[in-house]
Amino acid sequence: MDRNLPLAVLCGLLVGLSIYWFLSPDWFIAMGIAAVYAGAGYFYLAFDIPLLGSAIQFDDRIDRFGYAIGLFGLSVSPIAFAQYYGQQGATTLPFVILFIGVIAFLLFTSKARQQSEHIH
């Protein structure tokens, strides 16, 4: 039996329960974050994707600069949105955790798709 999906669901539940218990008592937020992390966890476990490896590399200096600007925007924008829309910063950390999970999910699914295309 493939253990990747149950392990990914367990990972998502652990993240979701941690969010619910420690950061946000809203079950809807915790459930959404749990689903994102379960999806990202599945693709991380099912495919050989390095967690801290650099998946995207550019040779041109201008491309690397543009990539750096985009990464800076990705790292700063969740905090800015959470502070702007949050209630006195109460939703800042769950929002940042969700945003990081969304990025991980999209990155892992992209790499998994590339790997599955090379297999077939």
Protein backbone atom coordinates (compact mmCIF):
# COMPACT_ATOMS: atom_id res chain seq x y z
CA MET A 1 0.00 0.00 0.00
CA ASP A 2 1.22 3.47 -0.83
CA ARG A 3 1.98 5.30 2.42
CA ASN A 4 2.56 8.71 0.89
CA LEU A 5 -1.05 9.90 0.99
CA PRO A 6 -1.76 8.87 4.63
CA LEU A 7 1.53 10.44 5.74
CA ALA A 8 0.72 13.63 3.85
CA VAL A 9 -2.75 13.79 5.41
CA LEU A 10 -1.18 13.27 8.84
CA CYS A 11 1.28 16.09 8.14
CA GLY A 12 -1.55 18.38 7.07
CA LEU A 13 -3.61 17.49 10.14
CA LEU A 14 -0.69 18.19 12.45
CA VAL A 15 -0.12 21.60 10.89
CA GLY A 16 -3.86 22.36 10.94
CA LEU A 17 -4.30 21.30 14.55
CA SER A 18 -1.25 23.32 15.57
CA ILE A 19 -2.72 26.38 13.87
CA TYR A 20 -6.07 25.78 15.57
CA TRP A 21 -4.64 25.24 19.05
CA PHE A 22 -1.90 27.86 19.10
CA LEU A 23 -2.63 30.59 16.56
CA SER A 24 -6.22 30.81 15.34
CA PRO A 25 -9.30 29.23 16.95
CA ASP A 26 -11.13 29.40 13.62
CA TRP A 27 -11.61 25.85 12.29
CA PHE A 28 -12.12 27.07 8.72
CA ILE A 29 -8.69 28.71 8.59
CA ALA A 30 -7.06 25.67 10.22
CA MET A 31 -8.79 23.30 7.80
CA GLY A 32 -7.68 25.30 4.75
CA ILE A 33 -4.09 25.39 5.95
CA ALA A 34 -4.21 21.66 6.74
CA ALA A 35 -5.43 20.89 3.22
CA VAL A 36 -2.67 22.97 1.62
CA TYR A 37 0.03 21.30 3.69
CA ALA A 38 -1.42 17.84 3.07
CA GLY A 39 -1.28 18.48 -0.67
CA ALA A 40 2.26 19.85 -0.51
CA GLY A 41 3.30 16.97 1.74
CA TYR A 42 1.94 14.41 -0.68
CA PHE A 43 3.96 15.70 -3.61
CA TYR A 44 7.04 16.06 -1.44
CA LEU A 45 6.76 12.44 -0.27
CA ALA A 46 5.56 10.85 -3.51
CA PHE A 47 8.25 12.39 -5.73
CA ASP A 48 11.93 12.82 -5.08
CA ILE A 49 11.84 16.58 -4.52
CA PRO A 50 14.60 18.21 -2.45
CA LEU A 51 13.12 20.38 0.29
CA LEU A 52 15.93 22.91 0.49
CA GLY A 53 17.40 22.40 -2.96
CA SER A 54 17.27 25.15 -5.51
CA ALA A 55 14.70 24.11 -8.08
CA ILE A 56 14.86 27.22 -10.24
CA GLN A 57 18.12 28.55 -11.64
CA PHE A 58 18.79 31.27 -14.18
CA ASP A 59 21.99 31.81 -16.13
CA ASP A 60 21.40 35.40 -17.22
CA ARG A 61 22.26 38.07 -14.65
CA ILE A 62 19.13 40.11 -15.42
CA ASP A 63 16.95 37.02 -14.96
CA ARG A 64 18.55 36.31 -11.57
CA PHE A 65 17.92 39.91 -10.54
CA GLY A 66 14.27 39.67 -11.59
CA TYR A 67 13.95 36.39 -9.70
CA ALA A 68 15.45 38.00 -6.58
CA ILE A 69 12.95 40.87 -6.79
CA GLY A 70 10.08 38.40 -7.13
CA LEU A 71 11.28 36.35 -4.15
CA PHE A 72 11.54 39.49 -2.07
CA GLY A 73 7.96 40.35 -3.00
CA LEU A 74 6.82 36.84 -2.08
CA SER A 75 8.52 37.04 1.30
CA VAL A 76 7.18 40.49 2.23
CA SER A 77 3.67 40.50 0.73
CA PRO A 78 1.99 38.03 3.12
CA ILE A 79 3.04 40.10 6.11
CA ALA A 80 1.84 43.29 4.43
CA PHE A 81 -1.55 41.78 3.50
CA ALA A 82 -2.04 40.22 6.92
CA GLN A 83 -1.31 43.47 8.73
CA TYR A 84 -3.55 45.43 6.39
CA TYR A 85 -6.52 43.05 6.49
CA GLY A 86 -5.91 41.42 9.89
CA GLN A 87 -7.39 42.51 13.18
CA GLN A 88 -4.52 44.06 15.13
CA GLY A 89 -2.14 41.45 13.68
CA ALA A 90 -4.16 38.50 15.06
CA THR A 91 -4.21 36.73 11.70
CA THR A 92 -0.70 37.62 10.60
CA LEU A 93 1.13 34.39 11.46
CA PRO A 94 -1.56 31.96 10.19
CA PHE A 95 -1.73 33.94 6.95
CA VAL A 96 2.05 33.82 6.51
CA ILE A 97 2.04 30.06 7.20
CA LEU A 98 -0.75 29.58 4.65
CA PHE A 99 1.13 31.64 2.06
CA ILE A 100 4.30 29.59 2.56
CA GLY A 101 2.26 26.40 2.17
CA VAL A 102 0.70 27.66 -1.05
CA ILE A 103 4.14 28.43 -2.49
CA ALA A 104 5.42 25.00 -1.43
CA PHE A 105 2.38 23.28 -2.93
CA LEU A 106 2.76 25.06 -6.27
CA LEU A 107 6.50 24.45 -6.39
CA PHE A 108 6.20 20.76 -5.47
CA THR A 109 3.40 20.11 -7.95
CA SER A 110 5.41 21.80 -10.69
CA LYS A 111 8.48 19.68 -9.96
CA ALA A 112 6.36 16.52 -9.67
CA ARG A 113 4.80 17.25 -13.06
CA GLN A 114 8.25 17.70 -14.61
CA GLN A 115 9.44 14.42 -13.10
CA SER A 116 6.35 12.52 -14.24
CA GLU A 117 6.77 13.83 -17.80
CA HIS A 118 10.35 12.52 -17.88
CA ILE A 119 9.22 9.08 -16.68
CA HIS A 120 6.58 8.59 -19.41
